[in-house]
Amino acid sequence: MKKNQIKVIAVTGGKGGVGKTNVSLNMAMAMADQGKRVLVLDADLGLANVDVILGLRVEKNLSHVLSGECDIDDILIEGPRGIFIAPSTSGTRSMVELSPQEHVGLIRAFSNMRTEFDVLIVDTAAGISNMVLSFARASQDVVVVVCDEPTSITDAYALIKLLSREHGVFRFKIVANMVRTMREGQVLFNKLTKVTDRFLDVALELAAIVPYDENLRKAVRKQQLLIEAFPRSPGSLAFKALGTRAMNWPIPAQAGGHLEFFIEQLVAQPQPGKEPANE
């Protein structure tokens, strides 16, 4: 039986602390509220935190799938408003350094997944590790979350540079997060494009401007998402608009679009020390 096509979105940012996980989860809930079946993969394989943010109890995670103890379907947790979470581990070094055999196990696990989804949102780790780059390269859309801080802009640029020059990713969706005004968000986007236009052959699209929202901290303390706890707050409205926009991003017509293809792309990363082939 042919599996349904799935939209795969990687949410990344280079720097930690830019609100990447909140963007991932609120976007997921916005899509679920519009009838989409959404899975969030906590791809911070060493410092997972999605389950903590949502106050969910995790009994099994990706490490149990890789060890052969259970299938991927067995670890899925239903979160608020029908979103599903594929939890990872926290404080486990081995998950950050997967062996080739474990890569094969990951492919098999996702290929055999019985539960079908419309959208997979990959919440990557901070930084520009090989695993972060691989998740981003394997996805159909790459969302880069930036804040109005010099280090955030610098790290976002470094991530975009690596993905474009070494991994063939040339289109990026930008989320200007935690800004004071819409104008500040536009200025932030302009700062980033000014540098990328000068030095890189990439196309950036401003996907959302998310305002700083006092209610976000309150929602986190309640272990709820912003659009769940304060649905009419400025940040919630921005996340809902982002979710609607993301649902309209086209799924490529090529062979990609299935979970197994995503995972195969994910683990087929260039070997260390080898130069990527020029096209």
Protein backbone atom coordinates (compact mmCIF):
# COMPACT_ATOMS: atom_id res chain seq x y z
CA MET A 1 0.00 0.00 0.00
CA LYS A 2 1.40 3.37 -1.01
CA LYS A 3 2.03 5.70 1.91
CA ASN A 4 0.69 9.22 1.89
CA GLN A 5 3.05 12.05 1.12
CA ILE A 6 4.27 13.88 4.17
CA LYS A 7 5.50 17.44 4.50
CA VAL A 8 8.86 17.45 6.34
CA ILE A 9 9.94 20.71 7.98
CA ALA A 10 13.18 21.16 9.91
CA VAL A 11 13.18 23.94 12.51
CA THR A 12 16.69 25.06 13.36
CA GLY A 13 18.59 28.19 14.29
CA GLY A 14 22.29 27.68 14.87
CA LYS A 15 22.27 29.37 18.27
CA GLY A 16 20.55 27.99 21.36
CA GLY A 17 17.97 30.05 23.22
CA VAL A 18 16.25 31.53 20.15
CA GLY A 19 12.93 29.79 20.87
CA LYS A 20 13.27 27.04 18.28
CA THR A 21 11.32 24.40 20.23
CA ASN A 22 8.49 26.81 21.01
CA VAL A 23 8.28 27.67 17.32
CA SER A 24 8.20 23.95 16.42
CA LEU A 25 5.49 23.03 18.92
CA ASN A 26 3.24 26.04 18.44
CA MET A 27 3.44 25.66 14.66
CA ALA A 28 2.56 21.97 15.10
CA MET A 29 -0.47 22.79 17.23
CA ALA A 30 -1.61 25.47 14.77
CA MET A 31 -1.55 22.85 12.00
CA ALA A 32 -3.29 20.24 14.16
CA ASP A 33 -6.04 22.74 14.93
CA GLN A 34 -6.67 22.90 11.18
CA GLY A 35 -7.13 19.15 10.91
CA LYS A 36 -3.60 18.03 10.01
CA ARG A 37 -2.01 14.94 11.56
CA VAL A 38 1.29 16.27 12.91
CA LEU A 39 4.31 14.48 14.34
CA VAL A 40 7.09 16.39 16.10
CA LEU A 41 10.44 14.59 16.15
CA ASP A 42 12.60 15.75 19.05
CA ALA A 43 15.86 15.64 17.10
CA ASP A 44 18.03 16.98 19.91
CA LEU A 45 19.28 13.43 20.35
CA GLY A 46 21.41 14.18 23.42
CA LEU A 47 19.42 16.89 25.23
CA ALA A 48 15.78 16.20 24.43
CA ASN A 49 13.26 18.57 26.00
CA VAL A 50 9.99 18.52 24.04
CA ASP A 51 8.35 16.12 26.50
CA VAL A 52 9.43 18.31 29.44
CA ILE A 53 7.99 21.46 27.86
CA LEU A 54 4.64 19.70 27.36
CA GLY A 55 4.66 17.95 30.74
CA LEU A 56 4.45 14.50 29.12
CA ARG A 57 5.58 11.27 30.72
CA VAL A 58 7.97 9.32 28.50
CA GLU A 59 8.42 5.60 29.02
CA LYS A 60 10.24 4.72 25.81
CA ASN A 61 12.17 6.83 23.28
CA LEU A 62 14.28 6.55 20.13
CA SER A 63 17.07 4.74 21.98
CA HIS A 64 14.64 1.86 22.69
CA VAL A 65 13.75 1.74 18.99
CA LEU A 66 17.41 1.58 18.01
CA SER A 67 18.08 -1.19 20.53
CA GLY A 68 15.25 -3.24 19.01
CA GLU A 69 13.10 -3.18 22.15
CA CYS A 70 10.10 -1.67 20.36
CA ASP A 71 8.84 -0.12 17.13
CA ILE A 72 8.66 3.59 16.37
CA ASP A 73 4.87 3.47 16.80
CA ASP A 74 5.33 2.23 20.37
CA ILE A 75 7.17 5.38 21.50
CA LEU A 76 4.79 7.95 20.01
CA ILE A 77 3.09 10.08 22.65
CA GLU A 78 -0.10 12.01 21.99
CA GLY A 79 0.27 15.56 23.19
CA PRO A 80 -2.19 18.43 23.50
CA ARG A 81 -4.77 18.93 20.74
CA GLY A 82 -3.77 15.72 18.98
CA ILE A 83 -0.16 16.46 18.06
CA PHE A 84 2.17 13.47 18.40
CA ILE A 85 5.73 13.47 19.75
CA ALA A 86 8.58 11.09 18.91
CA PRO A 87 10.73 11.60 22.01
CA SER A 88 14.49 11.26 22.18
CA THR A 89 16.83 10.90 25.15
CA SER A 90 18.50 13.41 27.42
CA GLY A 91 22.05 13.04 28.68
CA THR A 92 22.86 10.04 26.49
CA ARG A 93 26.07 10.50 24.53
CA SER A 94 25.57 7.40 22.38
CA MET A 95 22.50 8.95 20.74
CA VAL A 96 24.62 11.81 19.45
CA GLU A 97 27.14 9.46 17.85
CA LEU A 98 25.08 6.87 16.00
CA SER A 99 26.91 3.98 14.32
CA PRO A 100 26.20 2.93 10.70
CA GLN A 101 24.21 -0.03 12.06
CA GLU A 102 22.08 2.30 14.15
CA HIS A 103 21.51 4.49 11.09
CA VAL A 104 20.15 1.42 9.28
CA GLY A 105 17.96 0.69 12.31
CA LEU A 106 16.57 4.22 12.19
CA ILE A 107 15.74 3.85 8.48
CA ARG A 108 13.98 0.56 9.12
CA ALA A 109 12.08 1.96 12.09
CA PHE A 110 10.63 4.87 10.14
CA SER A 111 10.05 2.80 6.99
CA ASN A 112 7.94 0.36 9.00
CA MET A 113 5.95 2.99 10.89
CA ARG A 114 2.26 2.13 10.77
CA THR A 115 0.90 5.51 11.89
CA GLU A 116 0.50 8.00 9.05
CA PHE A 117 0.94 11.75 9.33
CA ASP A 118 0.49 14.78 7.11
CA VAL A 119 3.36 16.78 8.59
CA LEU A 120 6.65 15.89 10.29
CA ILE A 121 8.28 18.78 12.15
CA VAL A 122 11.89 18.11 13.10
CA ASP A 123 12.99 20.14 16.11
CA THR A 124 16.78 20.08 15.72
CA ALA A 125 19.48 20.61 18.32
CA ALA A 126 21.26 23.93 18.72
CA GLY A 127 24.56 24.44 16.92
CA ILE A 128 25.84 23.24 13.56
CA SER A 129 26.73 19.61 14.27
CA ASN A 130 26.69 17.00 11.50
CA MET A 131 23.36 15.69 12.78
CA VAL A 132 21.74 19.15 12.67
CA LEU A 133 23.02 19.69 9.13
CA SER A 134 21.79 16.25 8.09
CA PHE A 135 18.28 16.77 9.48
CA ALA A 136 18.05 20.13 7.73
CA ARG A 137 19.39 18.81 4.43
CA ALA A 138 16.96 15.88 4.43
CA SER A 139 13.88 18.06 4.99
CA GLN A 140 11.78 19.70 2.30
CA ASP A 141 11.67 23.04 4.10
CA VAL A 142 14.23 24.55 6.47
CA VAL A 143 12.94 27.09 8.99
CA VAL A 144 15.72 29.17 10.57
CA VAL A 145 14.71 30.92 13.81
CA VAL A 146 16.59 34.15 14.57
CA CYS A 147 16.45 36.77 17.32
CA ASP A 148 17.67 40.35 17.25
CA GLU A 149 21.03 39.52 18.80
CA PRO A 150 24.39 39.68 17.00
CA THR A 151 25.26 36.08 17.96
CA SER A 152 21.91 34.79 16.67
CA ILE A 153 22.39 36.49 13.29
CA THR A 154 26.01 35.30 13.08
CA ASP A 155 25.11 31.69 13.92
CA ALA A 156 22.14 31.68 11.55
CA TYR A 157 24.42 32.92 8.77
CA ALA A 158 27.00 30.20 9.56
CA LEU A 159 24.29 27.54 9.39
CA ILE A 160 22.90 28.85 6.09
CA LYS A 161 26.44 29.07 4.67
CA LEU A 162 27.24 25.45 5.56
CA LEU A 163 23.93 24.11 4.27
CA SER A 164 24.20 25.98 0.98
CA ARG A 165 27.88 25.40 0.23
CA GLU A 166 28.25 21.82 1.45
CA HIS A 167 24.77 20.29 1.44
CA GLY A 168 22.95 21.81 -1.53
CA VAL A 169 20.24 23.64 0.43
CA PHE A 170 19.52 27.02 -1.14
CA ARG A 171 16.06 28.03 0.12
CA PHE A 172 15.36 29.01 3.71
CA LYS A 173 12.28 30.18 5.60
CA ILE A 174 13.17 32.75 8.28
CA VAL A 175 11.25 33.29 11.52
CA ALA A 176 12.13 36.55 13.29
CA ASN A 177 11.32 35.55 16.86
CA MET A 178 10.78 37.53 20.08
CA VAL A 179 10.91 40.95 18.41
CA ARG A 180 9.35 44.08 19.91
CA THR A 181 7.60 45.32 16.76
CA MET A 182 6.80 44.18 13.24
CA ARG A 183 9.26 46.73 11.95
CA GLU A 184 11.99 45.28 14.19
CA GLY A 185 11.28 41.85 12.69
CA GLN A 186 11.59 43.20 9.16
CA VAL A 187 14.84 45.01 10.04
CA LEU A 188 16.20 41.76 11.52
CA PHE A 189 15.35 39.89 8.32
CA ASN A 190 16.97 42.65 6.27
CA LYS A 191 20.19 42.39 8.34
CA LEU A 192 20.43 38.69 7.54
CA THR A 193 19.61 39.05 3.84
CA LYS A 194 22.11 41.86 3.46
CA VAL A 195 24.90 39.45 4.40
CA THR A 196 23.57 36.40 2.55
CA ASP A 197 22.92 38.40 -0.64
CA ARG A 198 26.49 39.60 -0.59
CA PHE A 199 28.28 36.32 0.06
CA LEU A 200 25.91 33.39 -0.64
CA ASP A 201 23.76 32.12 -3.49
CA VAL A 202 20.62 31.50 -1.41
CA ALA A 203 16.99 32.62 -1.29
CA LEU A 204 15.52 33.69 2.05
CA GLU A 205 11.81 34.10 2.71
CA LEU A 206 10.41 35.85 5.78
CA ALA A 207 7.96 33.20 6.98
CA ALA A 208 6.85 34.88 10.21
CA ILE A 209 7.48 37.73 12.60
CA VAL A 210 6.70 36.52 16.12
CA PRO A 211 6.48 39.30 18.71
CA TYR A 212 7.90 39.07 22.21
CA ASP A 213 4.96 37.87 24.31
CA GLU A 214 4.83 38.14 28.10
CA ASN A 215 2.36 35.24 28.11
CA LEU A 216 4.95 32.80 26.76
CA ARG A 217 6.73 32.58 30.12
CA LYS A 218 3.39 32.00 31.87
CA ALA A 219 2.49 29.24 29.41
CA VAL A 220 5.88 27.53 29.90
CA ARG A 221 5.38 27.54 33.67
CA LYS A 222 2.00 25.87 33.14
CA GLN A 223 3.67 23.35 30.78
CA GLN A 224 1.33 24.46 28.02
CA LEU A 225 1.92 25.89 24.59
CA LEU A 226 1.25 29.56 24.03
CA ILE A 227 -1.58 29.04 21.54
CA GLU A 228 -3.18 26.57 23.95
CA ALA A 229 -2.93 28.74 27.09
CA PHE A 230 -3.37 32.20 25.52
CA PRO A 231 -4.93 31.67 22.08
CA ARG A 232 -5.58 35.36 21.41
CA SER A 233 -2.20 36.70 22.49
CA PRO A 234 0.03 38.39 19.85
CA GLY A 235 2.48 35.47 19.77
CA SER A 236 -0.34 32.94 19.33
CA LEU A 237 -1.76 34.84 16.38
CA ALA A 238 1.69 34.89 14.76
CA PHE A 239 2.16 31.13 15.29
CA LYS A 240 -1.30 30.41 13.84
CA ALA A 241 -0.43 32.46 10.76
CA LEU A 242 2.87 30.58 10.43
CA GLY A 243 1.08 27.23 10.67
CA THR A 244 -1.38 28.25 7.95
CA ARG A 245 1.42 29.50 5.71
CA ALA A 246 3.53 26.37 6.26
CA MET A 247 0.65 24.10 5.24
CA ASN A 248 0.66 25.81 1.85
CA TRP A 249 4.37 25.26 1.21
CA PRO A 250 4.39 22.81 -1.73
CA ILE A 251 5.65 19.26 -1.34
CA PRO A 252 8.33 18.58 -4.01
CA ALA A 253 7.20 16.35 -6.86
CA GLN A 254 10.34 14.19 -6.85
CA ALA A 255 10.72 10.86 -5.06
CA GLY A 256 10.89 12.50 -1.65
CA GLY A 257 7.98 13.03 0.64
CA HIS A 258 7.82 9.77 2.54
CA LEU A 259 9.26 9.18 5.97
CA GLU A 260 11.60 6.46 4.77
CA PHE A 261 12.97 8.77 2.09
CA PHE A 262 13.51 11.45 4.72
CA ILE A 263 15.48 9.09 6.95
CA GLU A 264 17.49 7.72 4.04
CA GLN A 265 18.41 11.29 3.10
CA LEU A 266 19.20 12.00 6.72
CA VAL A 267 21.78 9.28 7.17
CA ALA A 268 23.35 9.44 3.69
CA GLN A 269 25.64 12.21 4.87
CA PRO A 270 29.07 12.80 3.33
CA GLN A 271 31.91 10.93 5.01
CA PRO A 272 34.23 13.10 7.14
CA GLY A 273 37.20 14.32 5.14
CA LYS A 274 35.53 13.85 1.76
CA GLU A 275 34.69 16.84 -0.36
CA PRO A 276 31.10 16.95 -1.64
CA ALA A 277 30.80 16.37 -5.37
CA ASN A 278 30.36 19.46 -7.49
CA GLU A 279 27.19 19.55 -9.57
